[in-house]
Amino acid sequence: YQLSKAGKLTVPAMNVNDSVTKTMFDNLYSCRESIIDSLKRATDVMFGGKQVVVCGYGEVGKGCCQALKGLGCTVYVTEIVPLQKPWSY
């Protein structure tokens, strides 16, 4: 931001971490990979047929539910976000 304001950038630049699209992608899709990997490493059990409780169904909760459902889990959600953001699914 400082270089941009000073006019010292030779090419256009933007901070992708401020992007709504990046946040949505990271929250919804990246958690699919990390939740499954961490749970499998920590528990060393098969997930097919297991009952799983997900606390919250926001952007991250949706991705976790989809990933766990894909493994064959029965997924229970304890709370649902009543007002979704405009970019939510």
Protein backbone atom coordinates (compact mmCIF):
# COMPACT_ATOMS: atom_id res chain seq x y z
CA TYR A 1 0.00 0.00 0.00
CA GLN A 2 2.84 2.39 0.82
CA LEU A 3 4.64 1.74 -2.48
CA SER A 4 1.40 2.16 -4.38
CA LYS A 5 0.63 5.47 -2.71
CA ALA A 6 4.17 6.67 -3.40
CA GLY A 7 3.83 5.72 -7.08
CA LYS A 8 6.87 3.42 -6.97
CA LEU A 9 5.19 0.25 -8.25
CA THR A 10 6.00 -0.58 -11.86
CA VAL A 11 3.11 -3.03 -12.20
CA PRO A 12 -0.39 -3.08 -10.68
CA ALA A 13 -0.60 -5.05 -7.43
CA MET A 14 -3.29 -6.06 -4.99
CA ASN A 15 -3.47 -7.81 -1.65
CA VAL A 16 -5.27 -11.10 -2.31
CA ASN A 17 -5.79 -11.68 1.41
CA ASP A 18 -8.31 -8.82 1.39
CA SER A 19 -10.36 -10.52 -1.32
CA VAL A 20 -13.81 -11.85 -0.47
CA THR A 21 -13.38 -14.58 -3.08
CA LYS A 22 -10.14 -15.82 -1.51
CA THR A 23 -11.73 -15.93 1.94
CA MET A 24 -14.72 -17.85 0.63
CA PHE A 25 -12.50 -20.31 -1.26
CA ASP A 26 -10.18 -20.90 1.72
CA ASN A 27 -13.00 -21.33 4.21
CA LEU A 28 -15.18 -23.60 2.10
CA TYR A 29 -12.67 -25.68 0.16
CA SER A 30 -9.36 -25.66 2.06
CA CYS A 31 -10.94 -26.96 5.25
CA ARG A 32 -12.06 -30.05 3.32
CA GLU A 33 -8.46 -31.13 2.98
CA SER A 34 -7.20 -30.12 6.41
CA ILE A 35 -10.09 -31.42 8.52
CA ILE A 36 -9.92 -34.91 7.04
CA ASP A 37 -6.13 -35.07 7.17
CA SER A 38 -5.91 -33.91 10.78
CA LEU A 39 -8.75 -36.15 12.01
CA LYS A 40 -7.31 -39.22 10.32
CA ARG A 41 -3.83 -38.56 11.68
CA ALA A 42 -5.10 -37.86 15.21
CA THR A 43 -7.52 -40.77 15.52
CA ASP A 44 -6.25 -43.42 13.10
CA VAL A 45 -9.79 -44.75 12.54
CA MET A 46 -12.03 -45.28 9.54
CA PHE A 47 -14.77 -42.66 9.21
CA GLY A 48 -17.33 -44.56 7.14
CA GLY A 49 -20.51 -45.02 9.19
CA LYS A 50 -19.30 -42.88 12.11
CA GLN A 51 -21.52 -40.19 13.63
CA VAL A 52 -19.92 -36.74 13.60
CA VAL A 53 -21.08 -33.49 15.22
CA VAL A 54 -20.14 -30.20 13.52
CA CYS A 55 -20.60 -27.13 15.70
CA GLY A 56 -21.64 -24.33 13.36
CA TYR A 57 -22.65 -24.26 9.72
CA GLY A 58 -20.94 -21.15 8.43
CA GLU A 59 -18.45 -21.17 5.57
CA VAL A 60 -16.00 -23.51 7.35
CA GLY A 61 -18.71 -25.75 8.74
CA LYS A 62 -20.18 -26.29 5.27
CA GLY A 63 -16.85 -27.50 3.91
CA CYS A 64 -16.29 -29.77 6.91
CA CYS A 65 -19.77 -31.28 6.56
CA GLN A 66 -19.29 -31.92 2.85
CA ALA A 67 -15.92 -33.58 3.40
CA LEU A 68 -17.14 -35.77 6.25
CA LYS A 69 -20.29 -36.68 4.31
CA GLY A 70 -18.04 -37.71 1.43
CA LEU A 71 -16.28 -40.17 3.73
CA GLY A 72 -19.59 -41.78 4.62
CA CYS A 73 -20.16 -40.15 8.01
CA THR A 74 -23.54 -39.33 9.47
CA VAL A 75 -23.17 -35.59 10.10
CA TYR A 76 -25.09 -33.63 12.74
CA VAL A 77 -24.95 -29.83 12.87
CA THR A 78 -25.57 -28.07 16.19
CA GLU A 79 -26.24 -24.55 14.92
CA ILE A 80 -26.93 -22.88 11.61
CA VAL A 81 -25.96 -19.31 10.76
CA PRO A 82 -29.36 -17.66 10.13
CA LEU A 83 -28.08 -14.73 8.04
CA GLN A 84 -25.74 -15.78 5.26
CA LYS A 85 -23.31 -13.40 3.63
CA PRO A 86 -24.14 -12.44 0.02
CA TRP A 87 -21.30 -14.57 -1.34
CA SER A 88 -22.35 -17.71 0.59
CA TYR A 89 -23.71 -20.77 -1.13
